[in-house]
Amino acid sequence: MLPRRQITARVRADTRSPRSRAVDTRVSTLRAKLGPDWIVTVRGIGCRFGHPG
């Protein structure tokens, strides 16, 4: 599982901007390519890779 803050830190140097939608955009793109079951959002924490089925 990857906390949102950690994902943002790896994507951008400025982690203080809570309005940045860069992580959300990338996750959405990955879901479109991989399917919705591969990336699971854990509310209040971040994302984790799921396993379809």
N, C-alpha and C. Protein backbone atom coordinates (compact mmCIF):
# COMPACT_ATOMS: atom_id res chain seq x y z
N MET A 1 0.84 -1.16 0.00
CA MET A 1 0.00 0.00 0.00
C MET A 1 0.89 1.23 0.00
N LEU A 2 0.51 2.22 -0.78
CA LEU A 2 1.27 3.45 -0.85
C LEU A 2 0.42 4.62 -0.38
N PRO A 3 0.83 5.28 0.69
CA PRO A 3 0.09 6.47 1.13
C PRO A 3 0.17 7.56 0.07
N ARG A 4 -0.89 8.33 -0.04
CA ARG A 4 -0.97 9.41 -1.03
C ARG A 4 0.22 10.36 -0.91
N ARG A 5 0.61 10.68 0.30
CA ARG A 5 1.73 11.61 0.52
C ARG A 5 3.03 11.06 -0.07
N GLN A 6 3.23 9.76 0.07
CA GLN A 6 4.44 9.13 -0.47
C GLN A 6 4.41 9.12 -1.99
N ILE A 7 3.24 8.83 -2.57
CA ILE A 7 3.12 8.85 -4.03
C ILE A 7 3.41 10.25 -4.55
N THR A 8 2.82 11.25 -3.91
CA THR A 8 3.02 12.64 -4.32
C THR A 8 4.49 13.03 -4.21
N ALA A 9 5.15 12.60 -3.15
CA ALA A 9 6.57 12.93 -2.96
C ALA A 9 7.43 12.35 -4.07
N ARG A 10 7.07 11.19 -4.58
CA ARG A 10 7.84 10.58 -5.66
C ARG A 10 7.54 11.22 -7.01
N VAL A 11 6.34 11.76 -7.15
CA VAL A 11 5.94 12.38 -8.42
C VAL A 11 6.42 13.83 -8.50
N ARG A 12 6.30 14.54 -7.40
CA ARG A 12 6.64 15.97 -7.38
C ARG A 12 7.53 16.28 -6.19
N ALA A 13 8.28 17.33 -6.33
CA ALA A 13 9.13 17.77 -5.22
C ALA A 13 8.30 18.53 -4.18
N ASP A 14 7.25 19.23 -4.61
CA ASP A 14 6.43 20.04 -3.70
C ASP A 14 5.23 19.23 -3.21
N THR A 15 5.32 18.68 -2.01
CA THR A 15 4.24 17.86 -1.45
C THR A 15 3.29 18.68 -0.61
N ARG A 16 3.53 19.98 -0.50
CA ARG A 16 2.69 20.82 0.35
C ARG A 16 1.41 21.27 -0.33
N SER A 17 1.26 21.03 -1.60
CA SER A 17 0.08 21.49 -2.32
C SER A 17 -1.00 20.40 -2.30
N PRO A 18 -1.96 20.51 -1.39
CA PRO A 18 -3.01 19.48 -1.31
C PRO A 18 -3.97 19.52 -2.48
N ARG A 19 -3.94 20.59 -3.26
CA ARG A 19 -4.85 20.75 -4.39
C ARG A 19 -4.36 20.07 -5.65
N SER A 20 -3.15 19.58 -5.62
CA SER A 20 -2.59 18.93 -6.80
C SER A 20 -3.38 17.67 -7.13
N ARG A 21 -3.78 17.55 -8.37
CA ARG A 21 -4.53 16.40 -8.82
C ARG A 21 -3.67 15.47 -9.68
N ALA A 22 -2.36 15.68 -9.66
CA ALA A 22 -1.45 14.89 -10.48
C ALA A 22 -1.55 13.40 -10.17
N VAL A 23 -1.59 13.05 -8.90
CA VAL A 23 -1.67 11.65 -8.50
C VAL A 23 -3.01 11.06 -8.95
N ASP A 24 -4.09 11.80 -8.72
CA ASP A 24 -5.41 11.32 -9.12
C ASP A 24 -5.50 11.09 -10.63
N THR A 25 -4.89 12.00 -11.39
CA THR A 25 -4.90 11.87 -12.84
C THR A 25 -4.15 10.62 -13.27
N ARG A 26 -2.99 10.38 -12.69
CA ARG A 26 -2.19 9.20 -13.07
C ARG A 26 -2.89 7.90 -12.67
N VAL A 27 -3.47 7.88 -11.48
CA VAL A 27 -4.19 6.69 -11.02
C VAL A 27 -5.37 6.41 -11.95
N SER A 28 -6.08 7.46 -12.34
CA SER A 28 -7.20 7.30 -13.26
C SER A 28 -6.74 6.73 -14.60
N THR A 29 -5.61 7.21 -15.10
CA THR A 29 -5.06 6.72 -16.36
C THR A 29 -4.68 5.25 -16.24
N LEU A 30 -4.05 4.88 -15.14
CA LEU A 30 -3.67 3.48 -14.92
C LEU A 30 -4.89 2.58 -14.81
N ARG A 31 -5.94 3.05 -14.13
CA ARG A 31 -7.17 2.27 -14.02
C ARG A 31 -7.79 2.03 -15.39
N ALA A 32 -7.75 3.07 -16.23
CA ALA A 32 -8.31 2.93 -17.58
C ALA A 32 -7.55 1.89 -18.40
N LYS A 33 -6.24 1.82 -18.20
CA LYS A 33 -5.42 0.88 -18.95
C LYS A 33 -5.45 -0.53 -18.37
N LEU A 34 -5.40 -0.64 -17.05
CA LEU A 34 -5.30 -1.94 -16.39
C LEU A 34 -6.65 -2.55 -16.03
N GLY A 35 -7.63 -1.71 -15.85
CA GLY A 35 -8.93 -2.16 -15.37
C GLY A 35 -9.11 -1.71 -13.93
N PRO A 36 -10.34 -1.53 -13.50
CA PRO A 36 -10.61 -0.95 -12.18
C PRO A 36 -10.22 -1.81 -10.99
N ASP A 37 -10.03 -3.12 -11.19
CA ASP A 37 -9.72 -3.99 -10.06
C ASP A 37 -8.25 -4.01 -9.66
N TRP A 38 -7.40 -3.45 -10.48
CA TRP A 38 -5.96 -3.52 -10.21
C TRP A 38 -5.48 -2.48 -9.22
N ILE A 39 -6.12 -1.33 -9.17
CA ILE A 39 -5.73 -0.28 -8.23
C ILE A 39 -6.92 0.02 -7.34
N VAL A 40 -6.76 -0.22 -6.06
CA VAL A 40 -7.83 -0.05 -5.10
C VAL A 40 -7.52 1.15 -4.23
N THR A 41 -8.50 2.04 -4.09
CA THR A 41 -8.34 3.20 -3.22
C THR A 41 -8.70 2.81 -1.80
N VAL A 42 -7.81 3.11 -0.87
CA VAL A 42 -8.06 2.89 0.55
C VAL A 42 -8.34 4.27 1.14
N ARG A 43 -9.58 4.52 1.44
CA ARG A 43 -10.02 5.84 1.87
C ARG A 43 -9.22 6.34 3.08
N GLY A 44 -8.75 7.57 2.95
CA GLY A 44 -7.99 8.21 4.02
C GLY A 44 -6.52 7.82 4.07
N ILE A 45 -6.10 6.88 3.21
CA ILE A 45 -4.71 6.42 3.25
C ILE A 45 -4.02 6.60 1.90
N GLY A 46 -4.52 5.96 0.88
CA GLY A 46 -3.88 6.04 -0.44
C GLY A 46 -4.38 4.96 -1.35
N CYS A 47 -3.48 4.30 -2.04
CA CYS A 47 -3.84 3.26 -3.01
C CYS A 47 -3.04 2.00 -2.75
N ARG A 48 -3.59 0.91 -3.22
CA ARG A 48 -2.87 -0.36 -3.19
C ARG A 48 -3.19 -1.10 -4.47
N PHE A 49 -2.30 -1.97 -4.85
CA PHE A 49 -2.55 -2.80 -6.02
C PHE A 49 -3.42 -3.96 -5.59
N GLY A 50 -4.49 -4.17 -6.33
CA GLY A 50 -5.39 -5.27 -6.05
C GLY A 50 -5.11 -6.42 -6.99
N HIS A 51 -5.85 -7.46 -6.85
CA HIS A 51 -5.74 -8.61 -7.74
C HIS A 51 -7.13 -8.92 -8.24
N PRO A 52 -7.35 -8.84 -9.55
CA PRO A 52 -8.67 -9.14 -10.08
C PRO A 52 -9.09 -10.57 -9.75
N GLY A 53 -10.32 -10.67 -9.34
CA GLY A 53 -10.86 -12.01 -9.09
C GLY A 53 -10.85 -12.44 -7.69
